[in-house]
Amino acid sequence: MRVTHAVLGAAAVLALAGCGAGGEGGEKVPPTATGSLESLAAEVRCKPNMQTDADEIRQAICRNGDGRFVLATFATDRGQREWINDAKDYGGYYLVGRKWVAVGDDGVVEALRGTLGGDVEIGTDHHAHSG
């Protein structure tokens, strides 16, 4: 299933990103951005490195002055929600807009939110688990 590969790609980036320092920015959040992966990437000043370019999902790794993150766009709301629900098992921070998501550490996601708007969702924290 292609979605599983996309989730694993996001998990790999999260592992590379590590944990960031949290911030409680009191800044106003702009209206949630819309558009293609390329237009969203341009808004946050990153050149997307495409990882998946399929009908149902387009996913790229991005880096800008705030850090490294995954940016993904989806053909349907349902496909987006299924992807997020699966990806949250890997932990991380998710900035969610209409048919798009940005995944990174908390500092990067908060910085992106200042430009793209959207809602922050937090994945499962596995730090307390022993293995």
Protein backbone atom coordinates (compact mmCIF):
# COMPACT_ATOMS: atom_id res chain seq x y z
CA MET A 1 0.00 0.00 0.00
CA ARG A 2 1.45 3.38 -1.00
CA VAL A 3 0.18 5.16 2.11
CA THR A 4 2.28 2.85 4.30
CA HIS A 5 5.41 3.85 2.39
CA ALA A 6 4.52 7.50 2.89
CA VAL A 7 4.06 6.96 6.62
CA LEU A 8 7.43 5.23 6.85
CA GLY A 9 9.02 8.14 5.00
CA ALA A 10 7.53 10.58 7.48
CA ALA A 11 8.74 8.42 10.36
CA ALA A 12 12.27 8.43 8.96
CA VAL A 13 12.30 12.22 8.80
CA LEU A 14 10.99 12.40 12.36
CA ALA A 15 13.84 10.17 13.50
CA LEU A 16 16.31 12.51 11.77
CA ALA A 17 14.68 15.61 13.22
CA GLY A 18 14.88 14.49 16.84
CA CYS A 19 13.04 16.24 19.60
CA GLY A 20 12.78 20.00 19.61
CA ALA A 21 12.24 22.52 22.35
CA GLY A 22 8.61 23.45 22.86
CA GLY A 23 7.31 26.95 22.65
CA GLU A 24 4.09 28.61 23.66
CA GLY A 25 4.12 31.34 21.05
CA GLY A 26 1.28 33.77 21.64
CA GLU A 27 1.32 34.82 18.01
CA LYS A 28 -1.83 35.07 15.93
CA VAL A 29 -2.37 32.19 13.54
CA PRO A 30 -3.14 33.21 9.95
CA PRO A 31 -5.99 31.68 7.95
CA THR A 32 -5.15 28.15 6.87
CA ALA A 33 -3.32 28.06 3.55
CA THR A 34 -4.54 26.02 0.59
CA GLY A 35 -2.94 24.94 -2.64
CA SER A 36 -0.57 22.52 -4.27
CA LEU A 37 2.48 21.07 -2.57
CA GLU A 38 4.65 23.44 -4.57
CA SER A 39 2.64 26.52 -3.60
CA LEU A 40 2.66 25.57 0.09
CA ALA A 41 6.41 24.94 -0.09
CA ALA A 42 6.93 28.34 -1.72
CA GLU A 43 5.00 30.02 1.10
CA VAL A 44 7.41 28.59 3.69
CA ARG A 45 10.46 29.13 1.46
CA CYS A 46 11.55 25.58 0.83
CA LYS A 47 12.41 23.70 -2.33
CA PRO A 48 10.55 20.37 -2.01
CA ASN A 49 12.56 17.17 -2.50
CA MET A 50 9.79 14.91 -3.85
CA GLN A 51 9.59 11.46 -2.27
CA THR A 52 6.13 10.35 -3.42
CA ASP A 53 4.22 11.67 -6.42
CA ALA A 54 1.06 9.62 -6.75
CA ASP A 55 -2.58 10.44 -7.49
CA GLU A 56 -3.67 10.08 -3.86
CA ILE A 57 -0.63 11.61 -2.11
CA ARG A 58 2.30 13.86 -2.96
CA GLN A 59 5.02 13.98 -0.35
CA ALA A 60 8.31 15.87 -0.15
CA ILE A 61 11.07 16.52 2.33
CA CYS A 62 11.63 20.23 2.89
CA ARG A 63 14.18 22.32 4.71
CA ASN A 64 14.03 26.03 5.43
CA GLY A 65 15.40 28.38 8.07
CA ASP A 66 13.17 26.75 10.70
CA GLY A 67 14.42 23.19 10.09
CA ARG A 68 13.55 19.99 8.26
CA PHE A 69 10.03 18.67 7.75
CA VAL A 70 7.81 16.51 5.55
CA LEU A 71 5.14 18.25 3.49
CA ALA A 72 2.35 16.16 2.01
CA THR A 73 -0.79 16.91 0.04
CA PHE A 74 -3.73 14.57 -0.47
CA ALA A 75 -6.40 14.01 -3.11
CA THR A 76 -9.14 13.47 -0.50
CA ASP A 77 -9.93 14.46 3.09
CA ARG A 78 -10.42 10.78 3.95
CA GLY A 79 -7.00 9.84 2.57
CA GLN A 80 -5.43 12.62 4.60
CA ARG A 81 -7.13 11.54 7.84
CA GLU A 82 -6.15 7.88 7.31
CA TRP A 83 -2.53 8.90 6.68
CA ILE A 84 -2.42 11.11 9.79
CA ASN A 85 -4.02 8.44 11.98
CA ASP A 86 -1.43 5.87 10.82
CA ALA A 87 1.49 8.30 11.05
CA LYS A 88 0.64 9.42 14.60
CA ASP A 89 1.75 5.99 15.86
CA TYR A 90 5.30 7.16 15.07
CA GLY A 91 5.01 10.24 17.29
CA GLY A 92 5.89 13.73 16.10
CA TYR A 93 4.04 16.93 15.47
CA TYR A 94 1.59 17.46 12.63
CA LEU A 95 0.44 20.77 11.20
CA VAL A 96 -2.85 19.98 9.50
CA GLY A 97 -4.61 22.01 6.83
CA ARG A 98 -7.25 21.15 4.25
CA LYS A 99 -5.78 18.24 2.26
CA TRP A 100 -2.20 18.93 3.44
CA VAL A 101 0.01 18.18 6.41
CA ALA A 102 3.48 19.24 7.53
CA VAL A 103 5.36 16.90 9.90
CA GLY A 104 8.38 17.83 11.99
CA ASP A 105 9.52 18.60 15.48
CA ASP A 106 7.42 20.91 17.61
CA GLY A 107 9.52 24.03 16.97
CA VAL A 108 9.41 23.60 13.20
CA VAL A 109 5.67 22.91 13.20
CA GLU A 110 4.97 25.99 15.33
CA ALA A 111 7.10 28.15 13.00
CA LEU A 112 5.29 26.77 9.93
CA ARG A 113 1.95 27.44 11.60
CA GLY A 114 2.86 31.13 11.74
CA THR A 115 2.88 31.15 7.93
CA LEU A 116 0.49 28.36 6.87
CA GLY A 117 -2.07 28.46 9.68
CA GLY A 118 -3.69 25.10 10.38
CA ASP A 119 -4.12 22.98 13.49
CA VAL A 120 -1.41 21.16 15.42
CA GLU A 121 -1.89 17.49 16.26
CA ILE A 122 0.56 15.48 18.34
CA GLY A 123 1.48 11.86 17.72
CA THR A 124 1.92 9.11 20.30
CA ASP A 125 4.82 9.70 22.69
CA HIS A 126 6.83 6.48 22.91
CA HIS A 127 9.62 7.89 25.12
CA ALA A 128 8.04 6.43 28.25
CA HIS A 129 7.87 2.94 26.72
CA SER A 130 10.66 0.48 27.39
CA GLY A 131 11.67 -2.04 24.79
